Protein backbone atom coordinates (compact mmCIF):
# COMPACT_ATOMS: atom_id res chain seq x y z
CA MET A 1 -8.31 0.60 -2.64
CA ASP A 2 -10.13 -2.05 -4.65
CA GLN A 3 -11.94 -1.38 -7.92
CA TYR A 4 -15.34 -1.51 -6.35
CA THR A 5 -14.58 1.14 -3.77
CA GLU A 6 -12.63 3.27 -6.23
CA ALA A 7 -15.61 3.28 -8.62
CA HIS A 8 -18.05 4.25 -5.88
CA VAL A 9 -15.84 7.13 -4.71
CA PHE A 10 -15.32 8.41 -8.27
CA VAL A 11 -19.03 8.24 -9.14
CA ALA A 12 -19.90 9.94 -5.81
CA ALA A 13 -17.44 12.75 -6.67
CA ILE A 14 -19.14 13.20 -10.06
CA ARG A 15 -22.54 13.41 -8.44
CA VAL A 16 -21.50 15.81 -5.72
CA LEU A 17 -19.73 18.14 -8.17
CA GLU A 18 -22.69 18.00 -10.52
CA HIS A 19 -24.92 19.04 -7.63
CA GLN A 20 -22.59 21.82 -6.44
CA LYS A 21 -21.75 23.34 -9.80
CA ARG A 22 -25.04 22.61 -11.56
CA ARG A 23 -23.16 21.23 -14.54
CA PRO A 24 -21.25 18.09 -15.43
CA PRO A 25 -17.78 18.10 -13.79
CA THR A 26 -14.50 17.69 -15.57
CA VAL A 27 -12.01 14.93 -14.81
CA GLU A 28 -9.75 17.48 -13.20
CA GLU A 29 -12.46 18.59 -10.81
CA ALA A 30 -13.36 14.98 -9.86
CA CYS A 31 -9.69 14.16 -9.31
CA GLY A 32 -9.26 17.26 -7.11
CA MET A 33 -12.24 16.34 -5.03
CA ILE A 34 -11.03 12.82 -4.22
CA SER A 35 -7.37 13.81 -4.07
CA ILE A 36 -5.92 11.61 -6.81
CA SER A 37 -3.50 12.51 -9.57
CA LEU A 38 -4.82 13.40 -13.02
CA GLU A 39 -3.07 10.33 -14.49
CA ALA A 40 -4.81 8.02 -12.03
CA GLY A 41 -8.11 9.87 -12.59
CA TYR A 42 -7.94 9.51 -16.37
CA ALA A 43 -7.00 5.83 -16.07
CA LEU A 44 -9.89 5.22 -13.68
CA CYS A 45 -12.24 7.18 -15.91
CA ARG A 46 -11.13 5.09 -18.91
CA ARG A 47 -11.77 1.79 -17.00
CA LEU A 48 -15.19 2.96 -15.84
CA LYS A 49 -16.08 4.15 -19.34
CA GLU A 50 -15.17 0.74 -20.76
CA LYS A 51 -17.47 -0.90 -18.20
CA GLY A 52 -20.33 1.48 -19.05
CA ILE A 53 -20.40 3.12 -15.64
CA VAL A 54 -19.52 6.64 -16.76
CA ARG A 55 -19.75 8.56 -20.02
CA THR A 56 -17.38 11.23 -21.15
CA VAL A 57 -18.00 14.06 -23.60
CA GLU A 58 -15.12 16.07 -24.90
CA GLY A 59 -15.79 19.73 -25.42
CA ASN A 60 -14.05 23.09 -25.59
CA PHE A 61 -13.80 23.24 -21.80
CA GLY A 62 -12.27 19.77 -21.24
CA VAL A 63 -13.69 16.27 -20.70
CA LYS A 64 -17.08 16.32 -18.99
CA LEU A 65 -18.19 13.34 -16.91
CA PHE A 66 -21.67 11.83 -16.68
CA VAL A 67 -22.86 8.82 -14.64
CA GLU A 68 -24.08 6.32 -17.19
CA ASP A 69 -25.07 3.21 -15.22
CA HIS A 70 -24.10 3.23 -11.53
CA LEU A 71 -25.53 -0.26 -11.00
CA ARG A 72 -22.70 -1.78 -13.01
CA ILE A 73 -20.38 -0.90 -10.14
CA GLU A 74 -21.85 -3.92 -8.32
CA GLU A 75 -20.31 -6.16 -10.98
CA LEU A 76 -16.79 -5.01 -10.13
CA PRO A 77 -14.61 -7.27 -7.97
CA ARG A 78 -14.49 -6.46 -4.30
CA GLU A 79 -11.41 -7.01 -2.20
CA GLU A 80 -12.23 -8.73 1.04
CA LYS A 81 -10.68 -7.32 4.15
CA LYS A 82 -7.85 -9.72 4.88
CA ASN A 83 -5.91 -7.69 7.32
CA ASP A 84 -8.06 -6.87 10.28
CA LEU A 85 -6.47 -5.32 13.33
CA ALA A 86 -5.91 -8.62 15.17
CA GLN A 87 -4.23 -10.17 12.14
CA GLU A 88 -1.99 -7.16 11.66
CA LEU A 89 -1.05 -7.23 15.35
CA ALA A 90 -0.17 -10.93 15.11
CA GLU A 91 1.97 -10.26 12.04
CA PHE A 92 3.75 -7.40 13.81
CA GLN A 93 4.43 -9.53 16.90
CA LYS A 94 5.80 -12.31 14.73
CA LYS A 95 8.14 -9.91 13.01
CA GLN A 96 9.29 -8.60 16.36
CA GLN A 97 9.95 -12.18 17.57
CA ASP A 98 11.92 -12.91 14.39
CA LYS A 99 14.02 -9.78 14.96
CA SER A 100 14.61 -10.82 18.58
CA LYS A 101 15.73 -14.26 17.50
CA LYS A 102 18.14 -12.75 14.97
CA VAL A 103 19.60 -10.46 17.61
CA GLU A 104 20.06 -13.38 20.04
CA ALA A 105 21.71 -15.44 17.33
CA ILE A 106 24.11 -12.60 16.56
CA GLN A 107 24.92 -12.15 20.22
CA GLU A 108 25.53 -15.87 20.70
CA GLU A 109 27.82 -15.90 17.72
CA LEU A 110 29.76 -12.88 19.06
CA ALA A 111 30.05 -14.54 22.48
CA ARG A 112 31.31 -17.79 20.91
CA LYS A 113 33.88 -15.84 18.85
CA ARG A 114 34.94 -13.93 21.96
CA GLN A 115 35.51 -17.20 23.86
CA GLU A 116 37.50 -18.62 20.98
CA LYS A 117 39.73 -15.48 20.94
CA PHE A 118 40.26 -15.70 24.69
CA ALA A 119 41.09 -19.40 24.38
CA GLU A 120 43.54 -18.66 21.58
CA ILE A 121 45.18 -15.86 23.61
CA GLU A 122 45.38 -18.09 26.64
CA ALA A 123 47.01 -20.81 24.62
CA ARG A 124 49.59 -18.36 23.27
CA PHE A 125 50.41 -17.16 26.82
CA LYS A 126 50.80 -20.75 28.03
CA LYS A 127 53.02 -21.47 25.03
CA GLU A 128 55.14 -18.39 25.76
CA LEU A 129 55.40 -19.28 29.45
CA LYS A 130 56.65 -22.78 28.58
CA LYS A 131 59.36 -21.33 26.30
CA GLU A 132 60.73 -19.21 29.14
């Protein structure tokens, strides 16, 4: 997930929890709502705090979150969708073709080695027949 989307999801979680609980949520509650680890949540919270998007207040009951300036989210870089379905399908097909080529190359190599072995065995038999 890119920074832009991550910030929107986190701020939305803050707002929803604030509405549901009628108080500012903690980092733990926001992380639980969007199903991310506490470490990732604290790191995201720290980045958003540095950018002035959220504000944190430490109290006796944990770190409380407030939305400071949600418009600054628009300044965050967005990741353009590079892998649409058609492109992913083309990449998958190319990988499958590469695997098929590798398998064919291995089979050709084995066939060549098999022919060499048969030729070597045939040469030994002819040599043994000439000795007798």
